[in-house]
């Protein structure tokens, strides 16, 4: 549903986040329809997914603090009004996916929903010591705090108009990692869309995914989360970092073959889970040495 564009509030930007990958991640990306009511409105390196409904808009992830401006511009360029976002959702509370949520929430006055382990991180902009990346330090990890974050439980349902999303807790990369699923329809064909959270075994040097004194053990969380994603109904796979679902490759293929939709892909979730299982295996082998 195209929401009418009227008088729009203006985005108030937060300070730019500086990191080694930030500039490359934040390169502009032309927005596009993924399938049906699901749109890509993020940057070249950081996903933001817009879902249109009969009662307004839902946005998953906001990229970096400086990505909020690009996300806002992308939404408007498609003919939608960022001010009509009713729900802001998050995959996981790191600066490269949650950094833009504060500015977008202030612009839209949307409700922000997050997992139990993400609420405190989003409301402070500070990682907890149970996060594998905590050891990088507060300054490196910090992002703009988000106000009034509400809980969405594991298996919880978020409904807006004619669209219903389900939250699946998928911890491991972060304690509060969340995968989102919904149905998207086009020409009476409805497909299952999965926005699978990152499961990469990335951490500060002092963290061990194999640490058995940590309960639950991070390695076990990643394995269980990968198995959950592997078992989801999955016609279209999306994820917080576009390279993980081969966005650029698929867009190039679609440009050369008009009328095809490369985002509709069998066994994509299985391949995604296998990729992170292999990553974890390599990380555990390194830790054993």
C-alpha atoms as a PDB file:
ATOM      1  CA  UNK A   1       0.000   0.000   0.000  1.00  0.00           C
ATOM      2  CA  UNK A   2       1.387   3.375  -1.006  1.00  0.00           C
ATOM      3  CA  UNK A   3       1.036   5.807   1.853  1.00  0.00           C
ATOM      4  CA  UNK A   4       0.245   9.348   0.678  1.00  0.00           C
ATOM      5  CA  UNK A   5       3.085  11.787   1.026  1.00  0.00           C
ATOM      6  CA  UNK A   6       1.981  14.960   2.707  1.00  0.00           C
ATOM      7  CA  UNK A   7       3.659  17.416   5.029  1.00  0.00           C
ATOM      8  CA  UNK A   8       6.609  15.476   6.419  1.00  0.00           C
ATOM      9  CA  UNK A   9       8.587  15.899   9.579  1.00  0.00           C
ATOM     10  CA  UNK A  10      12.302  16.476   9.142  1.00  0.00           C
ATOM     11  CA  UNK A  11      14.968  14.058  10.313  1.00  0.00           C
ATOM     12  CA  UNK A  12      17.239  15.252  13.115  1.00  0.00           C
ATOM     13  CA  UNK A  13      20.525  13.446  12.589  1.00  0.00           C
ATOM     14  CA  UNK A  14      22.717  12.003  15.330  1.00  0.00           C
ATOM     15  CA  UNK A  15      26.516  12.424  15.247  1.00  0.00           C
ATOM     16  CA  UNK A  16      28.347  10.392  12.628  1.00  0.00           C
ATOM     17  CA  UNK A  17      29.719   7.054  13.784  1.00  0.00           C
ATOM     18  CA  UNK A  18      33.380   6.564  12.905  1.00  0.00           C
ATOM     19  CA  UNK A  19      34.743   3.058  12.319  1.00  0.00           C
ATOM     20  CA  UNK A  20      37.027   1.320   9.855  1.00  0.00           C
ATOM     21  CA  UNK A  21      34.150  -0.045   7.743  1.00  0.00           C
ATOM     22  CA  UNK A  22      31.587   2.700   8.283  1.00  0.00           C
ATOM     23  CA  UNK A  23      32.237   4.705   5.119  1.00  0.00           C
ATOM     24  CA  UNK A  24      32.036   1.649   2.855  1.00  0.00           C
ATOM     25  CA  UNK A  25      28.991   0.257   4.649  1.00  0.00           C
ATOM     26  CA  UNK A  26      27.166   3.569   4.282  1.00  0.00           C
ATOM     27  CA  UNK A  27      27.500   3.977   0.518  1.00  0.00           C
ATOM     28  CA  UNK A  28      24.086   4.894  -0.929  1.00  0.00           C
ATOM     29  CA  UNK A  29      21.979   2.139  -2.456  1.00  0.00           C
ATOM     30  CA  UNK A  30      19.012   2.752  -4.724  1.00  0.00           C
ATOM     31  CA  UNK A  31      15.941   1.327  -2.965  1.00  0.00           C
ATOM     32  CA  UNK A  32      14.006  -1.476  -4.624  1.00  0.00           C
ATOM     33  CA  UNK A  33      11.089  -3.828  -4.204  1.00  0.00           C
ATOM     34  CA  UNK A  34      12.216  -7.230  -2.964  1.00  0.00           C
ATOM     35  CA  UNK A  35       8.828  -8.902  -3.303  1.00  0.00           C
ATOM     36  CA  UNK A  36       5.268  -7.720  -2.826  1.00  0.00           C
ATOM     37  CA  UNK A  37       5.052  -5.335   0.121  1.00  0.00           C
ATOM     38  CA  UNK A  38       8.714  -5.839   1.100  1.00  0.00           C
ATOM     39  CA  UNK A  39      11.250  -3.187   0.088  1.00  0.00           C
ATOM     40  CA  UNK A  40      14.981  -2.688   0.544  1.00  0.00           C
ATOM     41  CA  UNK A  41      15.694   0.854   1.789  1.00  0.00           C
ATOM     42  CA  UNK A  42      19.131   0.404   3.346  1.00  0.00           C
ATOM     43  CA  UNK A  43      22.628   1.252   2.191  1.00  0.00           C
ATOM     44  CA  UNK A  44      25.078  -0.748   0.106  1.00  0.00           C
ATOM     45  CA  UNK A  45      26.472  -2.508   3.165  1.00  0.00           C
ATOM     46  CA  UNK A  46      23.711  -2.370   5.784  1.00  0.00           C
ATOM     47  CA  UNK A  47      20.160  -3.571   5.302  1.00  0.00           C
ATOM     48  CA  UNK A  48      17.006  -1.742   6.282  1.00  0.00           C
ATOM     49  CA  UNK A  49      13.771  -3.447   5.280  1.00  0.00           C
ATOM     50  CA  UNK A  50      10.483  -1.602   4.784  1.00  0.00           C
ATOM     51  CA  UNK A  51       7.169  -3.468   4.917  1.00  0.00           C
ATOM     52  CA  UNK A  52       4.039  -1.684   3.783  1.00  0.00           C
ATOM     53  CA  UNK A  53       0.648  -2.493   5.290  1.00  0.00           C
ATOM     54  CA  UNK A  54      -2.906  -1.216   5.110  1.00  0.00           C
ATOM     55  CA  UNK A  55      -2.330   0.675   8.385  1.00  0.00           C
ATOM     56  CA  UNK A  56       1.156   2.132   7.907  1.00  0.00           C
ATOM     57  CA  UNK A  57       4.776   1.066   7.657  1.00  0.00           C
ATOM     58  CA  UNK A  58       7.138  -1.282   9.496  1.00  0.00           C
ATOM     59  CA  UNK A  59      10.915  -0.834   9.332  1.00  0.00           C
ATOM     60  CA  UNK A  60      13.491  -3.414  10.390  1.00  0.00           C
ATOM     61  CA  UNK A  61      16.933  -2.005  11.291  1.00  0.00           C
ATOM     62  CA  UNK A  62      18.324   1.483  10.829  1.00  0.00           C
ATOM     63  CA  UNK A  63      21.994   0.991   9.958  1.00  0.00           C
ATOM     64  CA  UNK A  64      24.557   3.396  11.366  1.00  0.00           C
ATOM     65  CA  UNK A  65      23.658   6.711  12.957  1.00  0.00           C
ATOM     66  CA  UNK A  66      24.510   8.402   9.641  1.00  0.00           C
ATOM     67  CA  UNK A  67      22.471   5.813   7.705  1.00  0.00           C
ATOM     68  CA  UNK A  68      19.204   7.257   9.035  1.00  0.00           C
ATOM     69  CA  UNK A  69      19.327  10.085   6.505  1.00  0.00           C
ATOM     70  CA  UNK A  70      19.795   7.679   3.593  1.00  0.00           C
ATOM     71  CA  UNK A  71      17.069   5.347   4.860  1.00  0.00           C
ATOM     72  CA  UNK A  72      14.693   8.297   5.187  1.00  0.00           C
ATOM     73  CA  UNK A  73      15.544   9.488   1.666  1.00  0.00           C
ATOM     74  CA  UNK A  74      15.087   6.011   0.233  1.00  0.00           C
ATOM     75  CA  UNK A  75      11.677   5.609   1.847  1.00  0.00           C
ATOM     76  CA  UNK A  76      10.528   8.974   0.541  1.00  0.00           C
ATOM     77  CA  UNK A  77      11.896   8.317  -2.945  1.00  0.00           C
ATOM     78  CA  UNK A  78       9.621   5.273  -3.180  1.00  0.00           C
ATOM     79  CA  UNK A  79       6.604   7.456  -2.466  1.00  0.00           C
ATOM     80  CA  UNK A  80       6.176   6.554   1.194  1.00  0.00           C
ATOM     81  CA  UNK A  81       6.214   8.802   4.246  1.00  0.00           C
ATOM     82  CA  UNK A  82       8.784   7.909   6.905  1.00  0.00           C
ATOM     83  CA  UNK A  83       6.478   9.553   9.420  1.00  0.00           C
ATOM     84  CA  UNK A  84       4.005   6.724   8.872  1.00  0.00           C
ATOM     85  CA  UNK A  85       6.342   4.090  10.328  1.00  0.00           C
ATOM     86  CA  UNK A  86       4.363   2.525  13.171  1.00  0.00           C
ATOM     87  CA  UNK A  87       6.879  -0.109  14.289  1.00  0.00           C
ATOM     88  CA  UNK A  88      10.674  -0.057  14.341  1.00  0.00           C
ATOM     89  CA  UNK A  89      12.175  -3.521  14.742  1.00  0.00           C
ATOM     90  CA  UNK A  90      15.778  -4.637  15.158  1.00  0.00           C
ATOM     91  CA  UNK A  91      17.865  -7.683  14.289  1.00  0.00           C
ATOM     92  CA  UNK A  92      20.513  -7.045  16.927  1.00  0.00           C
ATOM     93  CA  UNK A  93      21.675  -4.110  18.992  1.00  0.00           C
ATOM     94  CA  UNK A  94      25.044  -3.209  17.488  1.00  0.00           C
ATOM     95  CA  UNK A  95      25.978   0.245  16.226  1.00  0.00           C
ATOM     96  CA  UNK A  96      25.830  -0.814  12.569  1.00  0.00           C
ATOM     97  CA  UNK A  97      22.190  -1.972  12.713  1.00  0.00           C
ATOM     98  CA  UNK A  98      20.686  -0.020  15.621  1.00  0.00           C
ATOM     99  CA  UNK A  99      22.594   3.251  15.197  1.00  0.00           C
ATOM    100  CA  UNK A 100      19.933   4.923  13.061  1.00  0.00           C
ATOM    101  CA  UNK A 101      16.932   3.855  15.136  1.00  0.00           C
ATOM    102  CA  UNK A 102      16.964   6.843  17.496  1.00  0.00           C
ATOM    103  CA  UNK A 103      16.704   9.430  14.720  1.00  0.00           C
ATOM    104  CA  UNK A 104      14.089   7.398  12.852  1.00  0.00           C
ATOM    105  CA  UNK A 105      12.055   6.894  16.033  1.00  0.00           C
ATOM    106  CA  UNK A 106      12.071  10.626  16.789  1.00  0.00           C
ATOM    107  CA  UNK A 107      10.999  11.367  13.216  1.00  0.00           C
ATOM    108  CA  UNK A 108       8.158   8.831  13.125  1.00  0.00           C
ATOM    109  CA  UNK A 109       7.223   8.432  16.811  1.00  0.00           C
ATOM    110  CA  UNK A 110       7.087   4.712  16.024  1.00  0.00           C
ATOM    111  CA  UNK A 111       6.956   2.023  18.678  1.00  0.00           C
ATOM    112  CA  UNK A 112      10.314   0.267  19.035  1.00  0.00           C
ATOM    113  CA  UNK A 113      10.127  -3.469  19.745  1.00  0.00           C
ATOM    114  CA  UNK A 114      13.069  -5.671  20.737  1.00  0.00           C
ATOM    115  CA  UNK A 115      14.027  -8.930  22.409  1.00  0.00           C
ATOM    116  CA  UNK A 116      14.495  -9.207  26.163  1.00  0.00           C
ATOM    117  CA  UNK A 117      18.291  -9.023  25.933  1.00  0.00           C
ATOM    118  CA  UNK A 118      18.234  -6.101  23.497  1.00  0.00           C
ATOM    119  CA  UNK A 119      16.025  -3.666  25.402  1.00  0.00           C
ATOM    120  CA  UNK A 120      18.668  -2.500  27.874  1.00  0.00           C
ATOM    121  CA  UNK A 121      21.296  -2.190  25.156  1.00  0.00           C
ATOM    122  CA  UNK A 122      19.039  -0.111  22.917  1.00  0.00           C
ATOM    123  CA  UNK A 123      17.936   2.148  25.773  1.00  0.00           C
ATOM    124  CA  UNK A 124      21.523   2.884  26.860  1.00  0.00           C
ATOM    125  CA  UNK A 125      23.419   2.569  23.576  1.00  0.00           C
ATOM    126  CA  UNK A 126      25.980   0.455  25.486  1.00  0.00           C
ATOM    127  CA  UNK A 127      26.772  -3.238  25.086  1.00  0.00           C
ATOM    128  CA  UNK A 128      26.630  -5.515  28.098  1.00  0.00           C
ATOM    129  CA  UNK A 129      29.576  -7.681  29.175  1.00  0.00           C
ATOM    130  CA  UNK A 130      27.845 -10.797  27.829  1.00  0.00           C
ATOM    131  CA  UNK A 131      28.138  -9.522  24.255  1.00  0.00           C
ATOM    132  CA  UNK A 132      31.055 -11.087  22.319  1.00  0.00           C
ATOM    133  CA  UNK A 133      32.078  -7.624  21.097  1.00  0.00           C
ATOM    134  CA  UNK A 134      31.981  -5.948  24.530  1.00  0.00           C
ATOM    135  CA  UNK A 135      35.779  -6.098  24.751  1.00  0.00           C
ATOM    136  CA  UNK A 136      36.187  -3.677  21.858  1.00  0.00           C
ATOM    137  CA  UNK A 137      35.371  -0.962  24.407  1.00  0.00           C
ATOM    138  CA  UNK A 138      32.525   1.424  25.113  1.00  0.00           C
ATOM    139  CA  UNK A 139      33.630   4.096  22.652  1.00  0.00           C
ATOM    140  CA  UNK A 140      33.917   1.652  19.761  1.00  0.00           C
ATOM    141  CA  UNK A 141      30.560   0.001  20.503  1.00  0.00           C
ATOM    142  CA  UNK A 142      28.445   3.002  21.529  1.00  0.00           C
ATOM    143  CA  UNK A 143      25.453   4.158  19.469  1.00  0.00           C
ATOM    144  CA  UNK A 144      22.577   6.641  20.044  1.00  0.00           C
ATOM    145  CA  UNK A 145      20.267   5.388  22.778  1.00  0.00           C
ATOM    146  CA  UNK A 146      16.650   4.694  21.831  1.00  0.00           C
ATOM    147  CA  UNK A 147      13.809   5.640  24.166  1.00  0.00           C
ATOM    148  CA  UNK A 148      10.745   3.650  25.197  1.00  0.00           C
ATOM    149  CA  UNK A 149      11.668   0.231  23.834  1.00  0.00           C
ATOM    150  CA  UNK A 150       9.033  -2.461  24.388  1.00  0.00           C
ATOM    151  CA  UNK A 151       9.472  -6.207  24.686  1.00  0.00           C
ATOM    152  CA  UNK A 152       8.695  -8.680  21.947  1.00  0.00           C
ATOM    153  CA  UNK A 153       8.922 -12.238  23.236  1.00  0.00           C
ATOM    154  CA  UNK A 154      10.400 -15.240  21.467  1.00  0.00           C
ATOM    155  CA  UNK A 155       7.676 -16.354  19.075  1.00  0.00           C
ATOM    156  CA  UNK A 156       5.893 -13.046  19.625  1.00  0.00           C
ATOM    157  CA  UNK A 157       3.578 -11.658  16.976  1.00  0.00           C
ATOM    158  CA  UNK A 158       3.594  -8.101  15.613  1.00  0.00           C
ATOM    159  CA  UNK A 159       0.525  -7.232  13.557  1.00  0.00           C
ATOM    160  CA  UNK A 160      -0.141  -4.041  11.642  1.00  0.00           C
ATOM    161  CA  UNK A 161      -3.023  -3.906   9.206  1.00  0.00           C
ATOM    162  CA  UNK A 162      -2.845  -6.901   6.879  1.00  0.00           C
ATOM    163  CA  UNK A 163       0.709  -7.956   7.846  1.00  0.00           C
ATOM    164  CA  UNK A 164       1.829 -10.168  10.726  1.00  0.00           C
ATOM    165  CA  UNK A 165       5.477 -10.709  11.679  1.00  0.00           C
ATOM    166  CA  UNK A 166       6.908 -13.304  14.041  1.00  0.00           C
ATOM    167  CA  UNK A 167       9.993 -12.769  16.202  1.00  0.00           C
ATOM    168  CA  UNK A 168      12.386 -15.707  16.574  1.00  0.00           C
ATOM    169  CA  UNK A 169      15.142 -15.309  19.140  1.00  0.00           C
ATOM    170  CA  UNK A 170      18.436 -16.291  17.474  1.00  0.00           C
ATOM    171  CA  UNK A 171      21.239 -15.408  19.923  1.00  0.00           C
ATOM    172  CA  UNK A 172      24.938 -16.106  19.493  1.00  0.00           C
ATOM    173  CA  UNK A 173      26.324 -13.181  17.533  1.00  0.00           C
ATOM    174  CA  UNK A 174      24.684 -11.078  20.232  1.00  0.00           C
ATOM    175  CA  UNK A 175      22.632 -12.205  23.246  1.00  0.00           C
ATOM    176  CA  UNK A 176      19.507 -10.482  21.908  1.00  0.00           C
ATOM    177  CA  UNK A 177      19.690 -11.477  18.252  1.00  0.00           C
ATOM    178  CA  UNK A 178      16.295 -11.764  16.571  1.00  0.00           C
ATOM    179  CA  UNK A 179      15.176 -13.197  13.233  1.00  0.00           C
ATOM    180  CA  UNK A 180      11.922 -11.891  11.750  1.00  0.00           C
ATOM    181  CA  UNK A 181       9.504 -13.720   9.435  1.00  0.00           C
ATOM    182  CA  UNK A 182       6.371 -12.676   7.551  1.00  0.00           C
ATOM    183  CA  UNK A 183       4.411 -13.370   4.385  1.00  0.00           C
ATOM    184  CA  UNK A 184       4.623 -11.078   1.397  1.00  0.00           C
ATOM    185  CA  UNK A 185       2.122 -11.319  -1.448  1.00  0.00           C
ATOM    186  CA  UNK A 186       2.352 -10.354  -5.096  1.00  0.00           C
ATOM    187  CA  UNK A 187      -0.254 -11.121  -7.782  1.00  0.00           C
ATOM    188  CA  UNK A 188      -2.030 -13.471  -5.339  1.00  0.00           C
ATOM    189  CA  UNK A 189       1.178 -15.452  -4.738  1.00  0.00           C
ATOM    190  CA  UNK A 190       2.237 -15.243  -1.108  1.00  0.00           C
ATOM    191  CA  UNK A 191       5.787 -16.169  -0.090  1.00  0.00           C
ATOM    192  CA  UNK A 192       7.556 -16.601   3.238  1.00  0.00           C
ATOM    193  CA  UNK A 193      10.164 -13.907   3.871  1.00  0.00           C
ATOM    194  CA  UNK A 194      12.926 -14.435   6.447  1.00  0.00           C
ATOM    195  CA  UNK A 195      15.074 -11.599   7.760  1.00  0.00           C
ATOM    196  CA  UNK A 196      17.710 -13.828   9.344  1.00  0.00           C
ATOM    197  CA  UNK A 197      19.922 -12.240  11.951  1.00  0.00           C
ATOM    198  CA  UNK A 198      23.711 -12.449  11.713  1.00  0.00           C
ATOM    199  CA  UNK A 199      25.274 -15.505  13.335  1.00  0.00           C
ATOM    200  CA  UNK A 200      28.926 -14.665  12.736  1.00  0.00           C
ATOM    201  CA  UNK A 201      31.413 -15.698  15.410  1.00  0.00           C
ATOM    202  CA  UNK A 202      32.986 -12.234  15.624  1.00  0.00           C
ATOM    203  CA  UNK A 203      34.295 -10.971  18.948  1.00  0.00           C
ATOM    204  CA  UNK A 204      36.905  -9.004  20.819  1.00  0.00           C
ATOM    205  CA  UNK A 205      40.174 -10.859  21.412  1.00  0.00           C
ATOM    206  CA  UNK A 206      39.350 -11.778  25.003  1.00  0.00           C
ATOM    207  CA  UNK A 207      36.095 -13.604  24.190  1.00  0.00           C
ATOM    208  CA  UNK A 208      35.833 -17.362  23.653  1.00  0.00           C
ATOM    209  CA  UNK A 209      32.787 -18.860  21.957  1.00  0.00           C
ATOM    210  CA  UNK A 210      33.874 -22.201  23.441  1.00  0.00           C
ATOM    211  CA  UNK A 211      33.894 -20.921  27.039  1.00  0.00           C
ATOM    212  CA  UNK A 212      31.984 -23.560  28.999  1.00  0.00           C
ATOM    213  CA  UNK A 213      31.821 -21.337  32.089  1.00  0.00           C
ATOM    214  CA  UNK A 214      29.520 -19.004  30.186  1.00  0.00           C
ATOM    215  CA  UNK A 215      25.929 -20.150  30.367  1.00  0.00           C
ATOM    216  CA  UNK A 216      24.548 -20.431  27.812  1.00  0.00           C
ATOM    217  CA  UNK A 217      27.730 -21.020  25.808  1.00  0.00           C
ATOM    218  CA  UNK A 218      27.890 -18.736  22.753  1.00  0.00           C
ATOM    219  CA  UNK A 219      28.907 -21.570  20.427  1.00  0.00           C
ATOM    220  CA  UNK A 220      25.852 -23.539  21.471  1.00  0.00           C
ATOM    221  CA  UNK A 221      23.641 -20.517  20.888  1.00  0.00           C
ATOM    222  CA  UNK A 222      24.947 -20.064  17.337  1.00  0.00           C
ATOM    223  CA  UNK A 223      24.459 -23.751  16.560  1.00  0.00           C
ATOM    224  CA  UNK A 224      20.887 -23.717  17.884  1.00  0.00           C
ATOM    225  CA  UNK A 225      20.061 -20.457  16.104  1.00  0.00           C
ATOM    226  CA  UNK A 226      21.430 -21.766  12.809  1.00  0.00           C
ATOM    227  CA  UNK A 227      19.288 -24.871  13.207  1.00  0.00           C
ATOM    228  CA  UNK A 228      16.212 -22.735  13.847  1.00  0.00           C
ATOM    229  CA  UNK A 229      16.835 -20.653  10.697  1.00  0.00           C
ATOM    230  CA  UNK A 230      17.485 -23.825   8.707  1.00  0.00           C
ATOM    231  CA  UNK A 231      14.009 -25.060   9.595  1.00  0.00           C
ATOM    232  CA  UNK A 232      12.021 -21.929   8.776  1.00  0.00           C
ATOM    233  CA  UNK A 233       9.641 -21.687   5.827  1.00  0.00           C
ATOM    234  CA  UNK A 234      11.851 -19.579   3.586  1.00  0.00           C
ATOM    235  CA  UNK A 235      11.157 -18.422   0.037  1.00  0.00           C
ATOM    236  CA  UNK A 236      12.982 -15.092   0.302  1.00  0.00           C
ATOM    237  CA  UNK A 237      16.058 -14.625   2.493  1.00  0.00           C
ATOM    238  CA  UNK A 238      17.233 -11.221   3.710  1.00  0.00           C
ATOM    239  CA  UNK A 239      19.761 -10.368   6.429  1.00  0.00           C
ATOM    240  CA  UNK A 240      21.419  -7.379   8.134  1.00  0.00           C
ATOM    241  CA  UNK A 241      24.500  -7.425   5.850  1.00  0.00           C
ATOM    242  CA  UNK A 242      23.454  -7.580   2.169  1.00  0.00           C
ATOM    243  CA  UNK A 243      26.465  -9.626   1.062  1.00  0.00           C
ATOM    244  CA  UNK A 244      25.047 -12.505   3.102  1.00  0.00           C
ATOM    245  CA  UNK A 245      22.111 -12.813   0.703  1.00  0.00           C
ATOM    246  CA  UNK A 246      24.151 -11.793  -2.377  1.00  0.00           C
ATOM    247  CA  UNK A 247      22.154  -8.626  -2.982  1.00  0.00           C
ATOM    248  CA  UNK A 248      24.482  -7.014  -5.527  1.00  0.00           C
ATOM    249  CA  UNK A 249      24.857 -10.241  -7.490  1.00  0.00           C
ATOM    250  CA  UNK A 250      21.095 -10.754  -7.627  1.00  0.00           C
ATOM    251  CA  UNK A 251      20.380  -7.168  -8.698  1.00  0.00           C
ATOM    252  CA  UNK A 252      22.894  -7.459 -11.544  1.00  0.00           C
ATOM    253  CA  UNK A 253      21.329 -10.719 -12.680  1.00  0.00           C
ATOM    254  CA  UNK A 254      17.853  -9.214 -12.592  1.00  0.00           C
ATOM    255  CA  UNK A 255      19.018  -6.211 -14.626  1.00  0.00           C
ATOM    256  CA  UNK A 256      20.208  -8.557 -17.367  1.00  0.00           C
ATOM    257  CA  UNK A 257      17.100 -10.767 -17.149  1.00  0.00           C
ATOM    258  CA  UNK A 258      14.049  -8.487 -16.791  1.00  0.00           C
ATOM    259  CA  UNK A 259      11.018 -10.155 -15.300  1.00  0.00           C
ATOM    260  CA  UNK A 260      12.948 -12.518 -13.064  1.00  0.00           C
ATOM    261  CA  UNK A 261      13.199 -12.205  -9.281  1.00  0.00           C
ATOM    262  CA  UNK A 262      16.446 -13.697  -8.029  1.00  0.00           C
ATOM    263  CA  UNK A 263      15.455 -13.030  -4.416  1.00  0.00           C
ATOM    264  CA  UNK A 264      12.994 -15.902  -4.610  1.00  0.00           C
ATOM    265  CA  UNK A 265      15.387 -18.766  -3.946  1.00  0.00           C
ATOM    266  CA  UNK A 266      15.003 -22.332  -2.775  1.00  0.00           C
ATOM    267  CA  UNK A 267      17.112 -23.600   0.124  1.00  0.00           C
ATOM    268  CA  UNK A 268      18.511 -20.122   0.878  1.00  0.00           C
ATOM    269  CA  UNK A 269      17.967 -20.469   4.621  1.00  0.00           C
ATOM    270  CA  UNK A 270      19.670 -23.860   4.670  1.00  0.00           C
ATOM    271  CA  UNK A 271      22.696 -22.418   2.891  1.00  0.00           C
ATOM    272  CA  UNK A 272      22.713 -19.449   5.282  1.00  0.00           C
ATOM    273  CA  UNK A 273      22.756 -21.735   8.315  1.00  0.00           C
ATOM    274  CA  UNK A 274      25.492 -23.914   6.791  1.00  0.00           C
ATOM    275  CA  UNK A 275      27.621 -20.824   6.132  1.00  0.00           C
ATOM    276  CA  UNK A 276      27.567 -19.810   9.794  1.00  0.00           C
ATOM    277  CA  UNK A 277      28.051 -23.357  11.043  1.00  0.00           C
ATOM    278  CA  UNK A 278      31.247 -23.455   8.973  1.00  0.00           C
ATOM    279  CA  UNK A 279      32.299 -20.039  10.320  1.00  0.00           C
ATOM    280  CA  UNK A 280      31.812 -21.226  13.877  1.00  0.00           C
ATOM    281  CA  UNK A 281      33.760 -24.417  13.210  1.00  0.00           C
ATOM    282  CA  UNK A 282      36.727 -22.375  11.972  1.00  0.00           C
ATOM    283  CA  UNK A 283      36.515 -20.092  14.996  1.00  0.00           C
ATOM    284  CA  UNK A 284      36.412 -23.024  17.436  1.00  0.00           C
ATOM    285  CA  UNK A 285      39.415 -24.604  15.709  1.00  0.00           C
ATOM    286  CA  UNK A 286      41.326 -21.344  16.194  1.00  0.00           C
ATOM    287  CA  UNK A 287      40.347 -21.221  19.866  1.00  0.00           C
ATOM    288  CA  UNK A 288      41.498 -24.783  20.418  1.00  0.00           C
ATOM    289  CA  UNK A 289      44.997 -23.722  19.390  1.00  0.00           C
END
